[in-house]
Amino acid sequence: MVREFSNHIAWTDAMKEGQGYIGLIEYQHKLPFSMVHALWVIDPRLTNEDDAELAAMNMLEQIYDITDTDRVIYNDGVAL
């Protein structure tokens, strides 16, 4: 899944971690050579890649905005 914000683009992925998988939300500024940031979506019940990416997609849908300073703001107002 790919999602665009005013100054950022974000996408989901998954990777193997130990015996399970983790979901990833990666995001970066819409500028050349921008650093990529990653949020890990961890759930010990994620035993396959598709479920891990689905968990990341569900989390990405909950993001309201990503600020110019790379802070992630969720729909409920929580900021990382």
Protein backbone atom coordinates (compact mmCIF):
# COMPACT_ATOMS: atom_id res chain seq x y z
CA MET A 1 0.00 0.00 0.00
CA VAL A 2 1.25 3.48 -0.83
CA ARG A 3 -0.18 6.63 0.68
CA GLU A 4 0.67 10.26 0.00
CA PHE A 5 0.63 13.07 2.52
CA SER A 6 1.23 16.75 1.86
CA ASN A 7 5.04 16.54 2.13
CA HIS A 8 5.65 12.80 2.53
CA ILE A 9 5.02 9.50 0.86
CA ALA A 10 4.54 6.31 2.90
CA TRP A 11 4.36 2.65 1.97
CA THR A 12 4.02 -0.72 3.66
CA ASP A 13 6.19 -3.80 3.58
CA ALA A 14 6.96 -6.84 5.73
CA MET A 15 10.09 -8.72 6.72
CA LYS A 16 11.04 -11.93 8.48
CA GLU A 17 12.12 -11.51 12.09
CA GLY A 18 13.12 -14.66 13.96
CA GLN A 19 10.33 -17.22 13.66
CA GLY A 20 7.70 -14.65 12.62
CA TYR A 21 7.23 -11.51 10.59
CA ILE A 22 6.91 -7.81 11.29
CA GLY A 23 5.02 -5.21 9.31
CA LEU A 24 6.80 -2.05 8.21
CA ILE A 25 5.57 1.44 7.46
CA GLU A 26 8.30 3.35 5.67
CA TYR A 27 8.05 7.03 4.87
CA GLN A 28 10.14 9.89 3.51
CA HIS A 29 9.91 13.51 2.39
CA LYS A 30 8.99 14.08 -1.24
CA LEU A 31 12.46 15.49 -1.88
CA PRO A 32 15.42 13.92 -3.69
CA PHE A 33 17.80 11.96 -1.43
CA SER A 34 15.50 12.15 1.59
CA MET A 35 16.10 9.77 4.48
CA VAL A 36 13.68 6.87 4.81
CA HIS A 37 12.12 6.37 8.25
CA ALA A 38 10.51 3.12 9.37
CA LEU A 39 7.86 2.19 11.91
CA TRP A 40 7.75 -1.45 12.97
CA VAL A 41 4.36 -3.09 13.45
CA ILE A 42 5.09 -5.93 15.86
CA ASP A 43 2.65 -8.65 16.83
CA PRO A 44 3.91 -12.08 17.96
CA ARG A 45 0.91 -13.68 16.21
CA LEU A 46 2.15 -12.61 12.78
CA THR A 47 3.42 -15.85 11.31
CA ASN A 48 3.33 -15.01 7.61
CA GLU A 49 4.38 -12.13 5.40
CA ASP A 50 0.89 -11.28 4.10
CA ASP A 51 -0.56 -10.90 7.60
CA ALA A 52 2.38 -8.71 8.62
CA GLU A 53 1.89 -6.38 5.67
CA LEU A 54 -1.86 -6.28 6.29
CA ALA A 55 -1.15 -5.19 9.89
CA ALA A 56 1.11 -2.43 8.53
CA MET A 57 -1.58 -1.38 6.03
CA ASN A 58 -4.17 -1.14 8.81
CA MET A 59 -1.76 0.99 10.88
CA LEU A 60 -0.96 3.23 7.90
CA GLU A 61 -4.67 3.89 7.44
CA GLN A 62 -4.72 5.25 11.01
CA ILE A 63 -2.10 7.93 10.26
CA TYR A 64 -3.62 11.39 9.92
CA ASP A 65 -0.47 13.25 8.84
CA ILE A 66 3.32 13.29 8.87
CA THR A 67 4.73 16.71 9.78
CA ASP A 68 7.64 18.59 8.19
CA THR A 69 9.76 17.42 11.13
CA ASP A 70 8.85 13.75 10.41
CA ARG A 71 6.47 13.38 13.36
CA VAL A 72 3.70 10.88 12.71
CA ILE A 73 0.24 12.05 13.85
CA TYR A 74 -2.45 9.39 14.22
CA ASN A 75 -6.19 9.95 13.80
CA ASP A 76 -6.65 9.93 17.58
CA GLY A 77 -4.09 12.75 18.02
CA VAL A 78 -1.23 10.59 19.31
CA ALA A 79 2.10 11.75 17.86
CA LEU A 80 5.35 9.83 17.51
